[in-house]
C-alpha atoms as a PDB file:
ATOM      1  CA  MET A   1     -13.939  -5.551  -6.037  1.00  0.00           C
ATOM      2  CA  GLN A   2     -14.842  -1.915  -5.473  1.00  0.00           C
ATOM      3  CA  ALA A   3     -12.167   0.482  -6.691  1.00  0.00           C
ATOM      4  CA  ALA A   4     -10.930   3.403  -4.623  1.00  0.00           C
ATOM      5  CA  ARG A   5      -9.760   6.498  -6.459  1.00  0.00           C
ATOM      6  CA  ILE A   6      -6.917   8.719  -5.442  1.00  0.00           C
ATOM      7  CA  TYR A   7      -6.792  11.781  -7.629  1.00  0.00           C
ATOM      8  CA  TYR A   8      -3.836  13.711  -6.321  1.00  0.00           C
ATOM      9  CA  ILE A   9      -1.416  13.692  -3.415  1.00  0.00           C
ATOM     10  CA  GLU A  10       1.507  16.079  -3.065  1.00  0.00           C
ATOM     11  CA  ILE A  11       3.822  16.017  -0.081  1.00  0.00           C
ATOM     12  CA  PRO A  12       6.731  18.475   0.001  1.00  0.00           C
ATOM     13  CA  ALA A  13       9.840  16.600   1.124  1.00  0.00           C
ATOM     14  CA  PRO A  14      13.223  18.338   1.135  1.00  0.00           C
ATOM     15  CA  ASP A  15      14.778  15.176   2.635  1.00  0.00           C
ATOM     16  CA  ILE A  16      13.537  12.399   0.353  1.00  0.00           C
ATOM     17  CA  GLU A  17      15.145   9.550   2.320  1.00  0.00           C
ATOM     18  CA  LYS A  18      13.566  10.708   5.584  1.00  0.00           C
ATOM     19  CA  ALA A  19      10.168  11.160   3.873  1.00  0.00           C
ATOM     20  CA  ASP A  20      10.361   7.726   2.254  1.00  0.00           C
ATOM     21  CA  LYS A  21      11.105   6.035   5.580  1.00  0.00           C
ATOM     22  CA  PHE A  22       8.304   7.935   7.347  1.00  0.00           C
ATOM     23  CA  TYR A  23       5.529   7.569   4.754  1.00  0.00           C
ATOM     24  CA  HIS A  24       6.484   4.010   3.870  1.00  0.00           C
ATOM     25  CA  SER A  25       5.480   3.028   7.384  1.00  0.00           C
ATOM     26  CA  ILE A  26       2.160   4.922   7.594  1.00  0.00           C
ATOM     27  CA  LEU A  27       0.450   5.141   4.187  1.00  0.00           C
ATOM     28  CA  TYR A  28      -2.123   2.395   3.845  1.00  0.00           C
ATOM     29  CA  ILE A  29      -5.100   2.022   1.513  1.00  0.00           C
ATOM     30  CA  LYS A  30      -8.157   0.191   2.866  1.00  0.00           C
ATOM     31  CA  VAL A  31      -9.368  -2.554   0.512  1.00  0.00           C
ATOM     32  CA  GLU A  32     -11.965  -5.328   0.648  1.00  0.00           C
ATOM     33  CA  ASN A  33      -9.623  -8.142  -0.390  1.00  0.00           C
ATOM     34  CA  ILE A  34      -5.841  -7.789  -0.189  1.00  0.00           C
ATOM     35  CA  ASN A  35      -5.020 -10.817  -2.336  1.00  0.00           C
ATOM     36  CA  GLU A  36      -7.306  -9.689  -5.197  1.00  0.00           C
ATOM     37  CA  THR A  37      -5.860  -6.187  -4.986  1.00  0.00           C
ATOM     38  CA  LEU A  38      -2.280  -7.510  -5.066  1.00  0.00           C
ATOM     39  CA  ASN A  39      -3.125  -9.471  -8.224  1.00  0.00           C
ATOM     40  CA  VAL A  40      -4.415  -6.275  -9.872  1.00  0.00           C
ATOM     41  CA  ILE A  41      -1.301  -4.390  -8.743  1.00  0.00           C
ATOM     42  CA  LYS A  42       0.977  -7.045 -10.313  1.00  0.00           C
ATOM     43  CA  ALA A  43      -1.078  -7.069 -13.537  1.00  0.00           C
ATOM     44  CA  GLN A  44      -0.713  -3.289 -13.769  1.00  0.00           C
ATOM     45  CA  GLY A  45       3.075  -3.336 -13.380  1.00  0.00           C
ATOM     46  CA  GLY A  46       3.397  -2.998  -9.609  1.00  0.00           C
ATOM     47  CA  GLU A  47       5.550  -5.166  -7.360  1.00  0.00           C
ATOM     48  CA  VAL A  48       4.477  -6.885  -4.145  1.00  0.00           C
ATOM     49  CA  LEU A  49       7.007  -6.108  -1.421  1.00  0.00           C
ATOM     50  CA  LEU A  50       5.246  -7.790   1.508  1.00  0.00           C
ATOM     51  CA  SER A  51       2.405 -10.270   1.015  1.00  0.00           C
ATOM     52  CA  LYS A  52      -0.706 -10.301   3.184  1.00  0.00           C
ATOM     53  CA  GLU A  53       0.106 -10.771   6.860  1.00  0.00           C
ATOM     54  CA  GLU A  54      -1.873 -10.467  10.059  1.00  0.00           C
ATOM     55  CA  ILE A  55      -1.202  -7.317  12.052  1.00  0.00           C
ATOM     56  CA  GLY A  56      -2.200  -8.982  15.325  1.00  0.00           C
ATOM     57  CA  GLY A  57      -4.417  -7.952  18.191  1.00  0.00           C
ATOM     58  CA  GLY A  58      -7.494  -8.077  15.965  1.00  0.00           C
ATOM     59  CA  TYR A  59      -6.354  -5.087  13.870  1.00  0.00           C
ATOM     60  CA  GLY A  60      -6.697  -6.823  10.516  1.00  0.00           C
ATOM     61  CA  PHE A  61      -4.203  -7.558   7.770  1.00  0.00           C
ATOM     62  CA  SER A  62      -1.714  -5.571   5.727  1.00  0.00           C
ATOM     63  CA  ALA A  63       0.513  -5.859   2.665  1.00  0.00           C
ATOM     64  CA  THR A  64       3.003  -3.520   1.017  1.00  0.00           C
ATOM     65  CA  PHE A  65       3.618  -2.851  -2.664  1.00  0.00           C
ATOM     66  CA  LYS A  66       5.660  -0.656  -4.976  1.00  0.00           C
ATOM     67  CA  ASP A  67       3.868   1.125  -7.794  1.00  0.00           C
ATOM     68  CA  PRO A  68       5.408   1.375 -11.302  1.00  0.00           C
ATOM     69  CA  ASN A  69       6.977   4.737 -10.321  1.00  0.00           C
ATOM     70  CA  GLY A  70       8.753   3.250  -7.299  1.00  0.00           C
ATOM     71  CA  ASN A  71       6.428   4.595  -4.575  1.00  0.00           C
ATOM     72  CA  HIS A  72       5.892   2.256  -1.634  1.00  0.00           C
ATOM     73  CA  LEU A  73       2.321   1.998  -0.346  1.00  0.00           C
ATOM     74  CA  GLY A  74       0.470  -0.270   2.007  1.00  0.00           C
ATOM     75  CA  LEU A  75      -2.861  -2.074   1.865  1.00  0.00           C
ATOM     76  CA  TRP A  76      -5.091  -2.755   4.853  1.00  0.00           C
ATOM     77  CA  CYS A  77      -8.237  -4.822   5.306  1.00  0.00           C
ATOM     78  CA  GLU A  78     -10.257  -6.056   8.251  1.00  0.00           C
ATOM     79  CA  ASN A  79     -10.161  -9.752   7.303  1.00  0.00           C
END
């Protein structure tokens, strides 16, 4: 599995609840294999919120997880 690196992201958000709702629905990380990545996330202290599911219309698959700091992020892959 090839690792992707995110070095730094900062998003000013005076209304945290509004920002959480918005970014929770749009932030996705492209991976080669969602199930392998979810296993790594769990091993590193993350929590799977939504297991791999088909998006439909040929748009691939997605899953959602919470990192150890409570941030919700999504995974995406083609197959």
